[in-house]
Amino acid sequence: MAPRKKLKCYEEEIGFKKSPRDLGPVSMNNLSTNCLVDDTKLVRKIMAMSNSSEGVRTCVEVKKMKIDKKNIARVLSGRITEVKFFPTKDTRMVAVGNNCGNVGFWNIDSDDDEIYVYYPHSGIVSGISIHQYSLSKIITSCYDGFIRLLDVEKESFDLLYTSAYQVFSICRPHDNMNSLFIGESYGSVGSLDIRSLNPNSMSWDLHAERIYTIDFNSQNTNLMATSSKDGTACIWDLRKLAHLDPQPIKLVRHKDAVNSAYFSPSGNLLATTRGIWGWDDSFIMVGNMKKGVDVICVEEKKLAYTMADREINAIPCRFDAHPMLPGVLAVSTAGGRVYVWDI
């Protein structure tokens, strides 16, 4: 009998050429988790995407949304911590981060399961930013304090910024693709210009504890919303933000940590819940313990409908509504799967 082939461990199988702690720049090829996958197809696909205008706001009949089996994929191993659509009408593609430091890309419209996985971080991926006017420059952040810029045209991950503190959130205003705001573990928000060769962060101490989310008003990007472990959600006017003792223009207090605070598509409302807005101000989508997605009617302040599918085998934990394609929703689970609802 032939000797049984020894199975390789995860690190041996992947065979990384570079460590995610390398300052960089590091090529996409050197951080790829599969040496047999050619990055060229992904690069060409992203470079061919056209920049889009503002997101589409419209009413969607969520009862008509469904999941096709071809719109399900296990993009990453481990627990997915972030999922983002590329904000373009050209194609349906998501970028996904997990608790192991991986960043994956899935071209949903491909017929041959186009999934590309990289290892640019050493810990939990806390944020992914893909700006509608700069689709080929993707920013990712990690709890280890590293913020990287994937420049698809150069095919490399550059080290954009490193913090002495954990980074829990990142966000760019809708009208400024070069300005990055960073939420850190001790309640500070920093701002930096990503075009600078040596970006220095301006910072404001806005909360007593870590900042979970940062969001900008779609109609007035001087208005910034933050949520925090300290039990508060705040709206800030950047034009009036003093470095010493900054004061919010609105503060909402909860008994426990506020996991998120997002402006509605019109900018008129703010939701301080774990869910996300749909494509107008009429409803919010929240994952439930029965592996479904609850649709909350904002006007009536009650559950209007529950989206469910037998293919979903775990509790949906991360969501993203496609900003350019109403009715297209990505949900992810702790098992590394991404499910895409479509209308």
C-alpha atoms as a PDB file:
ATOM      1  CA  MET A   1       0.000   0.000   0.000  1.00  0.00           C
ATOM      2  CA  ALA A   2       1.325   3.422  -0.918  1.00  0.00           C
ATOM      3  CA  PRO A   3       2.102   5.687   2.036  1.00  0.00           C
ATOM      4  CA  ARG A   4      -0.658   8.159   2.837  1.00  0.00           C
ATOM      5  CA  LYS A   5       0.136  11.677   1.707  1.00  0.00           C
ATOM      6  CA  LYS A   6       0.801  14.016   4.621  1.00  0.00           C
ATOM      7  CA  LEU A   7      -1.670  16.881   4.734  1.00  0.00           C
ATOM      8  CA  LYS A   8      -0.159  20.330   4.844  1.00  0.00           C
ATOM      9  CA  CYS A   9      -1.011  22.799   7.572  1.00  0.00           C
ATOM     10  CA  TYR A  10      -2.687  26.085   6.671  1.00  0.00           C
ATOM     11  CA  GLU A  11       0.545  28.093   6.513  1.00  0.00           C
ATOM     12  CA  GLU A  12       2.345  25.443   4.438  1.00  0.00           C
ATOM     13  CA  GLU A  13      -0.557  25.088   2.034  1.00  0.00           C
ATOM     14  CA  ILE A  14      -0.811  28.825   1.454  1.00  0.00           C
ATOM     15  CA  GLY A  15       2.920  29.371   1.282  1.00  0.00           C
ATOM     16  CA  PHE A  16       3.014  33.112   1.961  1.00  0.00           C
ATOM     17  CA  LYS A  17       5.968  34.924   0.455  1.00  0.00           C
ATOM     18  CA  LYS A  18       5.511  37.986   2.687  1.00  0.00           C
ATOM     19  CA  SER A  19       4.283  38.645   6.216  1.00  0.00           C
ATOM     20  CA  PRO A  20       1.257  40.915   6.743  1.00  0.00           C
ATOM     21  CA  ARG A  21       3.435  42.837   9.201  1.00  0.00           C
ATOM     22  CA  ASP A  22       5.829  43.870   6.420  1.00  0.00           C
ATOM     23  CA  LEU A  23       5.605  47.615   5.968  1.00  0.00           C
ATOM     24  CA  GLY A  24       5.419  47.312   2.201  1.00  0.00           C
ATOM     25  CA  PRO A  25       4.606  48.026  -0.473  1.00  0.00           C
ATOM     26  CA  VAL A  26       3.888  44.333  -0.974  1.00  0.00           C
ATOM     27  CA  SER A  27       2.679  42.937  -4.285  1.00  0.00           C
ATOM     28  CA  MET A  28      -0.746  41.333  -4.557  1.00  0.00           C
ATOM     29  CA  ASN A  29       0.959  38.156  -5.756  1.00  0.00           C
ATOM     30  CA  ASN A  30       3.120  37.950  -2.618  1.00  0.00           C
ATOM     31  CA  LEU A  31       0.074  38.269  -0.353  1.00  0.00           C
ATOM     32  CA  SER A  32      -2.175  35.938  -2.345  1.00  0.00           C
ATOM     33  CA  THR A  33      -3.313  32.835  -0.466  1.00  0.00           C
ATOM     34  CA  ASN A  34      -3.428  30.758  -3.648  1.00  0.00           C
ATOM     35  CA  CYS A  35      -0.349  30.704  -5.860  1.00  0.00           C
ATOM     36  CA  LEU A  36      -2.386  28.984  -8.611  1.00  0.00           C
ATOM     37  CA  VAL A  37      -4.767  31.946  -9.038  1.00  0.00           C
ATOM     38  CA  ASP A  38      -3.777  34.604 -11.566  1.00  0.00           C
ATOM     39  CA  ASP A  39      -4.498  38.125 -10.255  1.00  0.00           C
ATOM     40  CA  THR A  40      -4.553  39.548 -13.781  1.00  0.00           C
ATOM     41  CA  LYS A  41      -8.243  38.846 -14.307  1.00  0.00           C
ATOM     42  CA  LEU A  42      -9.202  40.651 -11.082  1.00  0.00           C
ATOM     43  CA  VAL A  43      -6.978  43.613 -11.913  1.00  0.00           C
ATOM     44  CA  ARG A  44      -8.463  43.968 -15.396  1.00  0.00           C
ATOM     45  CA  LYS A  45     -12.001  43.677 -14.045  1.00  0.00           C
ATOM     46  CA  ILE A  46     -11.559  46.424 -11.462  1.00  0.00           C
ATOM     47  CA  MET A  47      -9.632  48.724 -13.809  1.00  0.00           C
ATOM     48  CA  ALA A  48     -12.448  48.398 -16.371  1.00  0.00           C
ATOM     49  CA  MET A  49     -15.111  49.501 -13.873  1.00  0.00           C
ATOM     50  CA  SER A  50     -16.540  52.945 -14.466  1.00  0.00           C
ATOM     51  CA  ASN A  51     -16.808  55.456 -11.647  1.00  0.00           C
ATOM     52  CA  SER A  52     -20.393  56.069 -10.628  1.00  0.00           C
ATOM     53  CA  SER A  53     -22.315  59.112  -9.511  1.00  0.00           C
ATOM     54  CA  GLU A  54     -24.305  59.307  -6.303  1.00  0.00           C
ATOM     55  CA  GLY A  55     -26.146  56.269  -5.009  1.00  0.00           C
ATOM     56  CA  VAL A  56     -29.667  55.479  -6.156  1.00  0.00           C
ATOM     57  CA  ARG A  57     -32.511  56.242  -3.727  1.00  0.00           C
ATOM     58  CA  THR A  58     -35.710  54.400  -4.468  1.00  0.00           C
ATOM     59  CA  CYS A  59     -38.405  52.264  -2.864  1.00  0.00           C
ATOM     60  CA  VAL A  60     -37.771  48.509  -3.140  1.00  0.00           C
ATOM     61  CA  GLU A  61     -40.320  45.733  -2.678  1.00  0.00           C
ATOM     62  CA  VAL A  62     -38.249  43.550  -0.374  1.00  0.00           C
ATOM     63  CA  LYS A  63     -40.791  40.715  -0.609  1.00  0.00           C
ATOM     64  CA  LYS A  64     -39.639  40.196  -4.204  1.00  0.00           C
ATOM     65  CA  MET A  65     -35.985  39.811  -3.215  1.00  0.00           C
ATOM     66  CA  LYS A  66     -34.596  36.268  -3.302  1.00  0.00           C
ATOM     67  CA  ILE A  67     -31.323  34.322  -3.222  1.00  0.00           C
ATOM     68  CA  ASP A  68     -30.245  32.333  -6.255  1.00  0.00           C
ATOM     69  CA  LYS A  69     -27.940  29.393  -5.522  1.00  0.00           C
ATOM     70  CA  LYS A  70     -25.281  30.852  -7.811  1.00  0.00           C
ATOM     71  CA  ASN A  71     -25.261  33.928  -5.571  1.00  0.00           C
ATOM     72  CA  ILE A  72     -23.841  32.016  -2.600  1.00  0.00           C
ATOM     73  CA  ALA A  73     -20.128  31.507  -1.963  1.00  0.00           C
ATOM     74  CA  ARG A  74     -17.743  30.728   0.866  1.00  0.00           C
ATOM     75  CA  VAL A  75     -15.411  33.622   0.158  1.00  0.00           C
ATOM     76  CA  LEU A  76     -13.181  33.322   3.232  1.00  0.00           C
ATOM     77  CA  SER A  77     -12.464  30.975   6.074  1.00  0.00           C
ATOM     78  CA  GLY A  78     -13.199  32.215   9.576  1.00  0.00           C
ATOM     79  CA  ARG A  79     -15.661  34.886  10.669  1.00  0.00           C
ATOM     80  CA  ILE A  80     -16.466  37.665   8.223  1.00  0.00           C
ATOM     81  CA  THR A  81     -16.117  41.070   9.853  1.00  0.00           C
ATOM     82  CA  GLU A  82     -16.760  43.367   6.879  1.00  0.00           C
ATOM     83  CA  VAL A  83     -18.447  43.172   3.475  1.00  0.00           C
ATOM     84  CA  LYS A  84     -18.625  45.955   0.868  1.00  0.00           C
ATOM     85  CA  PHE A  85     -19.964  46.160  -2.669  1.00  0.00           C
ATOM     86  CA  PHE A  86     -17.948  47.983  -5.316  1.00  0.00           C
ATOM     87  CA  PRO A  87     -20.134  51.080  -5.864  1.00  0.00           C
ATOM     88  CA  THR A  88     -20.579  50.731  -9.630  1.00  0.00           C
ATOM     89  CA  LYS A  89     -23.405  49.688 -11.928  1.00  0.00           C
ATOM     90  CA  ASP A  90     -21.006  47.719 -14.134  1.00  0.00           C
ATOM     91  CA  THR A  91     -20.875  44.552 -12.073  1.00  0.00           C
ATOM     92  CA  ARG A  92     -21.702  42.959  -8.743  1.00  0.00           C
ATOM     93  CA  MET A  93     -18.464  42.442  -6.854  1.00  0.00           C
ATOM     94  CA  VAL A  94     -17.838  42.409  -3.104  1.00  0.00           C
ATOM     95  CA  ALA A  95     -14.744  42.897  -0.970  1.00  0.00           C
ATOM     96  CA  VAL A  96     -14.787  40.910   2.267  1.00  0.00           C
ATOM     97  CA  GLY A  97     -12.585  40.914   5.399  1.00  0.00           C
ATOM     98  CA  ASN A  98     -12.348  38.344   8.199  1.00  0.00           C
ATOM     99  CA  ASN A  99     -10.998  37.842  11.704  1.00  0.00           C
ATOM    100  CA  CYS A 100      -7.784  36.246  10.397  1.00  0.00           C
ATOM    101  CA  GLY A 101      -6.528  39.268   8.448  1.00  0.00           C
ATOM    102  CA  ASN A 102      -7.686  38.076   5.019  1.00  0.00           C
ATOM    103  CA  VAL A 103      -9.305  40.260   2.378  1.00  0.00           C
ATOM    104  CA  GLY A 104     -11.237  38.494  -0.379  1.00  0.00           C
ATOM    105  CA  PHE A 105     -12.859  39.591  -3.628  1.00  0.00           C
ATOM    106  CA  TRP A 106     -15.808  37.776  -5.199  1.00  0.00           C
ATOM    107  CA  ASN A 107     -17.098  38.574  -8.677  1.00  0.00           C
ATOM    108  CA  ILE A 108     -20.701  37.466  -8.251  1.00  0.00           C
ATOM    109  CA  ASP A 109     -21.512  37.817 -11.955  1.00  0.00           C
ATOM    110  CA  SER A 110     -18.731  35.455 -13.010  1.00  0.00           C
ATOM    111  CA  ASP A 111     -19.624  31.978 -14.261  1.00  0.00           C
ATOM    112  CA  ASP A 112     -16.533  30.325 -12.770  1.00  0.00           C
ATOM    113  CA  ASP A 113     -16.547  31.416  -9.095  1.00  0.00           C
ATOM    114  CA  GLU A 114     -14.000  34.200  -9.353  1.00  0.00           C
ATOM    115  CA  ILE A 115     -12.724  34.468  -5.772  1.00  0.00           C
ATOM    116  CA  TYR A 116      -9.374  36.052  -4.898  1.00  0.00           C
ATOM    117  CA  VAL A 117      -8.015  36.003  -1.348  1.00  0.00           C
ATOM    118  CA  TYR A 118      -5.100  37.968   0.143  1.00  0.00           C
ATOM    119  CA  TYR A 119      -3.438  38.192   3.546  1.00  0.00           C
ATOM    120  CA  PRO A 120      -2.565  41.887   4.067  1.00  0.00           C
ATOM    121  CA  HIS A 121      -3.261  42.061   7.819  1.00  0.00           C
ATOM    122  CA  SER A 122      -2.187  40.171  10.914  1.00  0.00           C
ATOM    123  CA  GLY A 123      -5.484  40.411  12.784  1.00  0.00           C
ATOM    124  CA  ILE A 124      -9.175  41.274  12.532  1.00  0.00           C
ATOM    125  CA  VAL A 125     -10.079  43.351   9.464  1.00  0.00           C
ATOM    126  CA  SER A 126     -12.097  46.242  10.894  1.00  0.00           C
ATOM    127  CA  GLY A 127     -12.926  48.258   7.799  1.00  0.00           C
ATOM    128  CA  ILE A 128     -13.007  48.335   3.993  1.00  0.00           C
ATOM    129  CA  SER A 129     -13.420  51.572   2.045  1.00  0.00           C
ATOM    130  CA  ILE A 130     -14.154  51.577  -1.706  1.00  0.00           C
ATOM    131  CA  HIS A 131     -14.888  55.077  -2.974  1.00  0.00           C
ATOM    132  CA  GLN A 132     -17.237  55.571  -5.902  1.00  0.00           C
ATOM    133  CA  TYR A 133     -14.807  57.962  -7.617  1.00  0.00           C
ATOM    134  CA  SER A 134     -11.703  55.843  -7.003  1.00  0.00           C
ATOM    135  CA  LEU A 135     -12.648  52.184  -7.428  1.00  0.00           C
ATOM    136  CA  SER A 136      -9.094  50.948  -7.975  1.00  0.00           C
ATOM    137  CA  LYS A 137      -7.813  52.244  -4.625  1.00  0.00           C
ATOM    138  CA  ILE A 138      -9.223  50.091  -1.827  1.00  0.00           C
ATOM    139  CA  ILE A 139      -8.412  50.921   1.793  1.00  0.00           C
ATOM    140  CA  THR A 140      -8.484  48.284   4.545  1.00  0.00           C
ATOM    141  CA  SER A 141      -7.892  48.595   8.285  1.00  0.00           C
ATOM    142  CA  CYS A 142      -7.046  46.160  11.058  1.00  0.00           C
ATOM    143  CA  TYR A 143      -7.172  45.924  14.826  1.00  0.00           C
ATOM    144  CA  ASP A 144      -3.351  45.820  14.772  1.00  0.00           C
ATOM    145  CA  GLY A 145      -3.322  49.538  13.836  1.00  0.00           C
ATOM    146  CA  PHE A 146      -2.253  49.007  10.220  1.00  0.00           C
ATOM    147  CA  ILE A 147      -4.165  50.731   7.414  1.00  0.00           C
ATOM    148  CA  ARG A 148      -3.314  49.550   3.914  1.00  0.00           C
ATOM    149  CA  LEU A 149      -4.086  50.917   0.463  1.00  0.00           C
ATOM    150  CA  LEU A 150      -4.541  48.339  -2.280  1.00  0.00           C
ATOM    151  CA  ASP A 151      -3.594  50.131  -5.490  1.00  0.00           C
ATOM    152  CA  VAL A 152      -4.994  47.769  -8.105  1.00  0.00           C
ATOM    153  CA  GLU A 153      -3.260  49.578 -10.967  1.00  0.00           C
ATOM    154  CA  LYS A 154       0.129  49.045  -9.283  1.00  0.00           C
ATOM    155  CA  GLU A 155      -0.950  45.576  -8.089  1.00  0.00           C
ATOM    156  CA  SER A 156       0.372  46.248  -4.588  1.00  0.00           C
ATOM    157  CA  PHE A 157      -0.682  46.742  -0.979  1.00  0.00           C
ATOM    158  CA  ASP A 158       0.926  49.918   0.394  1.00  0.00           C
ATOM    159  CA  LEU A 159       1.129  50.799   4.077  1.00  0.00           C
ATOM    160  CA  LEU A 160      -0.933  53.970   4.271  1.00  0.00           C
ATOM    161  CA  TYR A 161      -0.809  54.613   8.006  1.00  0.00           C
ATOM    162  CA  THR A 162       0.020  52.854  11.249  1.00  0.00           C
ATOM    163  CA  SER A 163      -1.481  53.729  14.613  1.00  0.00           C
ATOM    164  CA  ALA A 164      -0.207  52.949  18.089  1.00  0.00           C
ATOM    165  CA  TYR A 165      -3.813  52.066  18.926  1.00  0.00           C
ATOM    166  CA  GLN A 166      -6.346  49.603  17.572  1.00  0.00           C
ATOM    167  CA  VAL A 167      -8.300  50.834  14.547  1.00  0.00           C
ATOM    168  CA  PHE A 168     -11.976  49.901  14.698  1.00  0.00           C
ATOM    169  CA  SER A 169     -13.450  51.843  11.782  1.00  0.00           C
ATOM    170  CA  ILE A 170     -12.609  53.842   8.670  1.00  0.00           C
ATOM    171  CA  CYS A 171     -14.715  56.025   6.389  1.00  0.00           C
ATOM    172  CA  ARG A 172     -14.298  58.472   3.511  1.00  0.00           C
ATOM    173  CA  PRO A 173     -16.775  61.313   2.811  1.00  0.00           C
ATOM    174  CA  HIS A 174     -18.842  60.788  -0.334  1.00  0.00           C
ATOM    175  CA  ASP A 175     -17.416  63.930  -1.975  1.00  0.00           C
ATOM    176  CA  ASN A 176     -13.741  63.490  -1.019  1.00  0.00           C
ATOM    177  CA  MET A 177     -11.965  60.287  -2.038  1.00  0.00           C
ATOM    178  CA  ASN A 178      -8.628  61.487  -0.601  1.00  0.00           C
ATOM    179  CA  SER A 179      -9.763  62.182   2.958  1.00  0.00           C
ATOM    180  CA  LEU A 180      -9.823  59.204   5.339  1.00  0.00           C
ATOM    181  CA  PHE A 181     -11.328  59.272   8.828  1.00  0.00           C
ATOM    182  CA  ILE A 182     -10.180  56.694  11.402  1.00  0.00           C
ATOM    183  CA  GLY A 183     -11.946  55.513  14.564  1.00  0.00           C
ATOM    184  CA  GLU A 184      -9.543  54.308  17.246  1.00  0.00           C
ATOM    185  CA  SER A 185      -9.774  52.303  20.441  1.00  0.00           C
ATOM    186  CA  TYR A 186      -9.511  55.133  22.947  1.00  0.00           C
ATOM    187  CA  GLY A 187     -12.337  57.233  21.500  1.00  0.00           C
ATOM    188  CA  SER A 188     -10.378  59.339  19.041  1.00  0.00           C
ATOM    189  CA  VAL A 189     -11.215  60.117  15.412  1.00  0.00           C
ATOM    190  CA  GLY A 190      -8.294  60.909  13.137  1.00  0.00           C
ATOM    191  CA  SER A 191      -8.263  62.437   9.667  1.00  0.00           C
ATOM    192  CA  LEU A 192      -5.537  62.080   7.039  1.00  0.00           C
ATOM    193  CA  ASP A 193      -4.896  62.844   3.374  1.00  0.00           C
ATOM    194  CA  ILE A 194      -4.134  59.579   1.577  1.00  0.00           C
ATOM    195  CA  ARG A 195      -2.209  61.421  -1.175  1.00  0.00           C
ATOM    196  CA  SER A 196       0.557  62.385   1.243  1.00  0.00           C
ATOM    197  CA  LEU A 197       3.734  60.300   1.157  1.00  0.00           C
ATOM    198  CA  ASN A 198       3.924  60.564   4.956  1.00  0.00           C
ATOM    199  CA  PRO A 199       0.360  61.184   6.098  1.00  0.00           C
ATOM    200  CA  ASN A 200      -0.008  62.630   9.571  1.00  0.00           C
ATOM    201  CA  SER A 201      -3.330  62.262  11.311  1.00  0.00           C
ATOM    202  CA  MET A 202      -5.232  65.188  12.805  1.00  0.00           C
ATOM    203  CA  SER A 203      -7.263  63.857  15.704  1.00  0.00           C
ATOM    204  CA  TRP A 204     -10.106  64.729  18.033  1.00  0.00           C
ATOM    205  CA  ASP A 205     -11.047  62.974  21.284  1.00  0.00           C
ATOM    206  CA  LEU A 206     -14.769  62.481  20.721  1.00  0.00           C
ATOM    207  CA  HIS A 207     -15.719  59.528  22.934  1.00  0.00           C
ATOM    208  CA  ALA A 208     -14.650  57.929  26.194  1.00  0.00           C
ATOM    209  CA  GLU A 209     -14.178  54.492  24.600  1.00  0.00           C
ATOM    210  CA  ARG A 210     -13.626  52.823  21.229  1.00  0.00           C
ATOM    211  CA  ILE A 211     -15.440  54.133  18.153  1.00  0.00           C
ATOM    212  CA  TYR A 212     -17.288  51.429  16.232  1.00  0.00           C
ATOM    213  CA  THR A 213     -18.537  53.351  13.190  1.00  0.00           C
ATOM    214  CA  ILE A 214     -18.062  56.627  11.342  1.00  0.00           C
ATOM    215  CA  ASP A 215     -20.548  57.845   8.745  1.00  0.00           C
ATOM    216  CA  PHE A 216     -21.086  61.018   6.723  1.00  0.00           C
ATOM    217  CA  ASN A 217     -24.348  62.657   5.743  1.00  0.00           C
ATOM    218  CA  SER A 218     -25.015  62.187   2.013  1.00  0.00           C
ATOM    219  CA  GLN A 219     -26.388  65.706   1.634  1.00  0.00           C
ATOM    220  CA  ASN A 220     -23.891  67.526   3.863  1.00  0.00           C
ATOM    221  CA  THR A 221     -20.527  65.847   4.423  1.00  0.00           C
ATOM    222  CA  ASN A 222     -19.672  68.387   7.125  1.00  0.00           C
ATOM    223  CA  LEU A 223     -21.980  66.296   9.312  1.00  0.00           C
ATOM    224  CA  MET A 224     -20.343  63.164  10.738  1.00  0.00           C
ATOM    225  CA  ALA A 225     -21.976  60.480  12.884  1.00  0.00           C
ATOM    226  CA  THR A 226     -20.066  58.260  15.315  1.00  0.00           C
ATOM    227  CA  SER A 227     -21.050  55.325  17.536  1.00  0.00           C
ATOM    228  CA  SER A 228     -19.112  54.136  20.544  1.00  0.00           C
ATOM    229  CA  LYS A 229     -18.700  51.519  23.219  1.00  0.00           C
ATOM    230  CA  ASP A 230     -19.334  54.307  25.738  1.00  0.00           C
ATOM    231  CA  GLY A 231     -23.077  54.012  25.032  1.00  0.00           C
ATOM    232  CA  THR A 232     -23.465  57.130  22.890  1.00  0.00           C
ATOM    233  CA  ALA A 233     -24.020  58.045  19.255  1.00  0.00           C
ATOM    234  CA  CYS A 234     -23.168  61.586  18.213  1.00  0.00           C
ATOM    235  CA  ILE A 235     -23.495  63.913  15.236  1.00  0.00           C
ATOM    236  CA  TRP A 236     -20.619  66.336  14.751  1.00  0.00           C
ATOM    237  CA  ASP A 237     -20.227  69.414  12.545  1.00  0.00           C
ATOM    238  CA  LEU A 238     -16.668  69.298  11.196  1.00  0.00           C
ATOM    239  CA  ARG A 239     -16.717  73.064  10.674  1.00  0.00           C
ATOM    240  CA  LYS A 240     -17.162  73.578  14.426  1.00  0.00           C
ATOM    241  CA  LEU A 241     -15.036  70.713  15.714  1.00  0.00           C
ATOM    242  CA  ALA A 242     -12.625  72.122  18.278  1.00  0.00           C
ATOM    243  CA  HIS A 243      -9.499  70.177  19.203  1.00  0.00           C
ATOM    244  CA  LEU A 244     -10.073  70.908  22.891  1.00  0.00           C
ATOM    245  CA  ASP A 245     -13.355  69.701  24.363  1.00  0.00           C
ATOM    246  CA  PRO A 246     -15.264  69.154  21.065  1.00  0.00           C
ATOM    247  CA  GLN A 247     -19.049  69.209  21.441  1.00  0.00           C
ATOM    248  CA  PRO A 248     -21.544  67.272  19.305  1.00  0.00           C
ATOM    249  CA  ILE A 249     -24.542  69.005  17.782  1.00  0.00           C
ATOM    250  CA  LYS A 250     -26.625  65.958  18.736  1.00  0.00           C
ATOM    251  CA  LEU A 251     -26.029  63.193  21.289  1.00  0.00           C
ATOM    252  CA  VAL A 252     -28.082  60.018  21.761  1.00  0.00           C
ATOM    253  CA  ARG A 253     -27.435  57.921  24.856  1.00  0.00           C
ATOM    254  CA  HIS A 254     -28.106  54.173  25.180  1.00  0.00           C
ATOM    255  CA  LYS A 255     -27.753  51.832  28.155  1.00  0.00           C
ATOM    256  CA  ASP A 256     -25.167  49.680  26.360  1.00  0.00           C
ATOM    257  CA  ALA A 257     -22.572  50.074  23.629  1.00  0.00           C
ATOM    258  CA  VAL A 258     -23.832  51.560  20.347  1.00  0.00           C
ATOM    259  CA  ASN A 259     -22.558  49.252  17.619  1.00  0.00           C
ATOM    260  CA  SER A 260     -23.406  51.521  14.708  1.00  0.00           C
ATOM    261  CA  ALA A 261     -24.856  54.890  13.728  1.00  0.00           C
ATOM    262  CA  TYR A 262     -25.737  55.430  10.063  1.00  0.00           C
ATOM    263  CA  PHE A 263     -27.471  58.282   8.258  1.00  0.00           C
ATOM    264  CA  SER A 264     -30.447  57.335   6.096  1.00  0.00           C
ATOM    265  CA  PRO A 265     -30.083  57.625   2.299  1.00  0.00           C
ATOM    266  CA  SER A 266     -31.711  61.085   2.330  1.00  0.00           C
ATOM    267  CA  GLY A 267     -29.579  62.200   5.272  1.00  0.00           C
ATOM    268  CA  ASN A 268     -32.642  63.193   7.276  1.00  0.00           C
ATOM    269  CA  LEU A 269     -32.585  60.313   9.784  1.00  0.00           C
ATOM    270  CA  LEU A 270     -30.001  58.497  11.904  1.00  0.00           C
ATOM    271  CA  ALA A 271     -30.280  54.816  12.898  1.00  0.00           C
ATOM    272  CA  THR A 272     -28.403  53.711  16.009  1.00  0.00           C
ATOM    273  CA  THR A 273     -28.866  49.977  15.650  1.00  0.00           C
ATOM    274  CA  ARG A 274     -26.811  47.050  14.373  1.00  0.00           C
ATOM    275  CA  GLY A 275     -28.732  47.036  11.081  1.00  0.00           C
ATOM    276  CA  ILE A 276     -28.407  49.029   7.868  1.00  0.00           C
ATOM    277  CA  TRP A 277     -30.688  51.210   5.775  1.00  0.00           C
ATOM    278  CA  GLY A 278     -32.252  50.002   2.545  1.00  0.00           C
ATOM    279  CA  TRP A 279     -32.400  52.203  -0.559  1.00  0.00           C
ATOM    280  CA  ASP A 280     -34.629  54.892   0.910  1.00  0.00           C
ATOM    281  CA  ASP A 281     -35.700  56.073   4.359  1.00  0.00           C
ATOM    282  CA  SER A 282     -38.603  53.643   4.704  1.00  0.00           C
ATOM    283  CA  PHE A 283     -36.936  50.606   6.299  1.00  0.00           C
ATOM    284  CA  ILE A 284     -33.932  49.199   8.147  1.00  0.00           C
ATOM    285  CA  MET A 285     -32.622  45.636   7.788  1.00  0.00           C
ATOM    286  CA  VAL A 286     -31.405  43.712  10.851  1.00  0.00           C
ATOM    287  CA  GLY A 287     -30.220  40.100  11.209  1.00  0.00           C
ATOM    288  CA  ASN A 288     -32.168  37.886  13.598  1.00  0.00           C
ATOM    289  CA  MET A 289     -31.362  34.770  15.616  1.00  0.00           C
ATOM    290  CA  LYS A 290     -33.434  32.570  13.283  1.00  0.00           C
ATOM    291  CA  LYS A 291     -30.988  33.121  10.392  1.00  0.00           C
ATOM    292  CA  GLY A 292     -33.248  35.645   8.702  1.00  0.00           C
ATOM    293  CA  VAL A 293     -33.245  39.387   8.021  1.00  0.00           C
ATOM    294  CA  ASP A 294     -35.896  41.499   9.733  1.00  0.00           C
ATOM    295  CA  VAL A 295     -37.210  44.471   7.774  1.00  0.00           C
ATOM    296  CA  ILE A 296     -38.226  47.242  10.186  1.00  0.00           C
ATOM    297  CA  CYS A 297     -40.715  49.840   8.948  1.00  0.00           C
ATOM    298  CA  VAL A 298     -39.428  53.234  10.071  1.00  0.00           C
ATOM    299  CA  GLU A 299     -42.757  55.081   9.881  1.00  0.00           C
ATOM    300  CA  GLU A 300     -44.678  52.472  11.875  1.00  0.00           C
ATOM    301  CA  LYS A 301     -41.687  51.526  14.055  1.00  0.00           C
ATOM    302  CA  LYS A 302     -42.397  47.825  13.862  1.00  0.00           C
ATOM    303  CA  LEU A 303     -41.425  44.632  12.056  1.00  0.00           C
ATOM    304  CA  ALA A 304     -42.876  44.686   8.552  1.00  0.00           C
ATOM    305  CA  TYR A 305     -41.395  41.539   7.010  1.00  0.00           C
ATOM    306  CA  THR A 306     -38.737  38.881   7.534  1.00  0.00           C
ATOM    307  CA  MET A 307     -36.515  37.839   4.641  1.00  0.00           C
ATOM    308  CA  ALA A 308     -35.547  34.171   4.953  1.00  0.00           C
ATOM    309  CA  ASP A 309     -33.946  31.499   2.807  1.00  0.00           C
ATOM    310  CA  ARG A 310     -33.242  27.858   3.589  1.00  0.00           C
ATOM    311  CA  GLU A 311     -29.737  28.195   2.121  1.00  0.00           C
ATOM    312  CA  ILE A 312     -28.631  30.512   4.963  1.00  0.00           C
ATOM    313  CA  ASN A 313     -27.102  28.203   7.573  1.00  0.00           C
ATOM    314  CA  ALA A 314     -25.972  30.760  10.162  1.00  0.00           C
ATOM    315  CA  ILE A 315     -27.010  34.086  11.670  1.00  0.00           C
ATOM    316  CA  PRO A 316     -26.404  36.989   9.232  1.00  0.00           C
ATOM    317  CA  CYS A 317     -23.891  39.269  10.901  1.00  0.00           C
ATOM    318  CA  ARG A 318     -22.685  41.785   8.275  1.00  0.00           C
ATOM    319  CA  PHE A 319     -24.692  43.535   5.561  1.00  0.00           C
ATOM    320  CA  ASP A 320     -24.211  45.835   2.603  1.00  0.00           C
ATOM    321  CA  ALA A 321     -26.904  47.242   0.321  1.00  0.00           C
ATOM    322  CA  HIS A 322     -25.572  47.862  -3.177  1.00  0.00           C
ATOM    323  CA  PRO A 323     -25.617  51.669  -3.514  1.00  0.00           C
ATOM    324  CA  MET A 324     -26.088  51.635  -7.309  1.00  0.00           C
ATOM    325  CA  LEU A 325     -28.344  48.580  -7.755  1.00  0.00           C
ATOM    326  CA  PRO A 326     -31.500  48.797  -5.595  1.00  0.00           C
ATOM    327  CA  GLY A 327     -32.674  45.400  -4.392  1.00  0.00           C
ATOM    328  CA  VAL A 328     -29.187  43.854  -4.295  1.00  0.00           C
ATOM    329  CA  LEU A 329     -28.170  43.011  -0.725  1.00  0.00           C
ATOM    330  CA  ALA A 330     -25.097  41.110   0.528  1.00  0.00           C
ATOM    331  CA  VAL A 331     -25.238  39.345   3.895  1.00  0.00           C
ATOM    332  CA  SER A 332     -22.381  37.400   5.462  1.00  0.00           C
ATOM    333  CA  THR A 333     -22.029  34.925   8.307  1.00  0.00           C
ATOM    334  CA  ALA A 334     -19.473  33.774  10.852  1.00  0.00           C
ATOM    335  CA  GLY A 335     -18.764  30.760   8.644  1.00  0.00           C
ATOM    336  CA  GLY A 336     -17.214  32.841   5.877  1.00  0.00           C
ATOM    337  CA  ARG A 337     -20.166  32.652   3.504  1.00  0.00           C
ATOM    338  CA  VAL A 338     -21.674  35.540   1.547  1.00  0.00           C
ATOM    339  CA  TYR A 339     -25.278  35.422   0.327  1.00  0.00           C
ATOM    340  CA  VAL A 340     -26.574  37.925  -2.222  1.00  0.00           C
ATOM    341  CA  TRP A 341     -30.265  38.778  -2.363  1.00  0.00           C
ATOM    342  CA  ASP A 342     -31.545  40.156  -5.662  1.00  0.00           C
ATOM    343  CA  ILE A 343     -34.846  41.375  -6.966  1.00  0.00           C
END
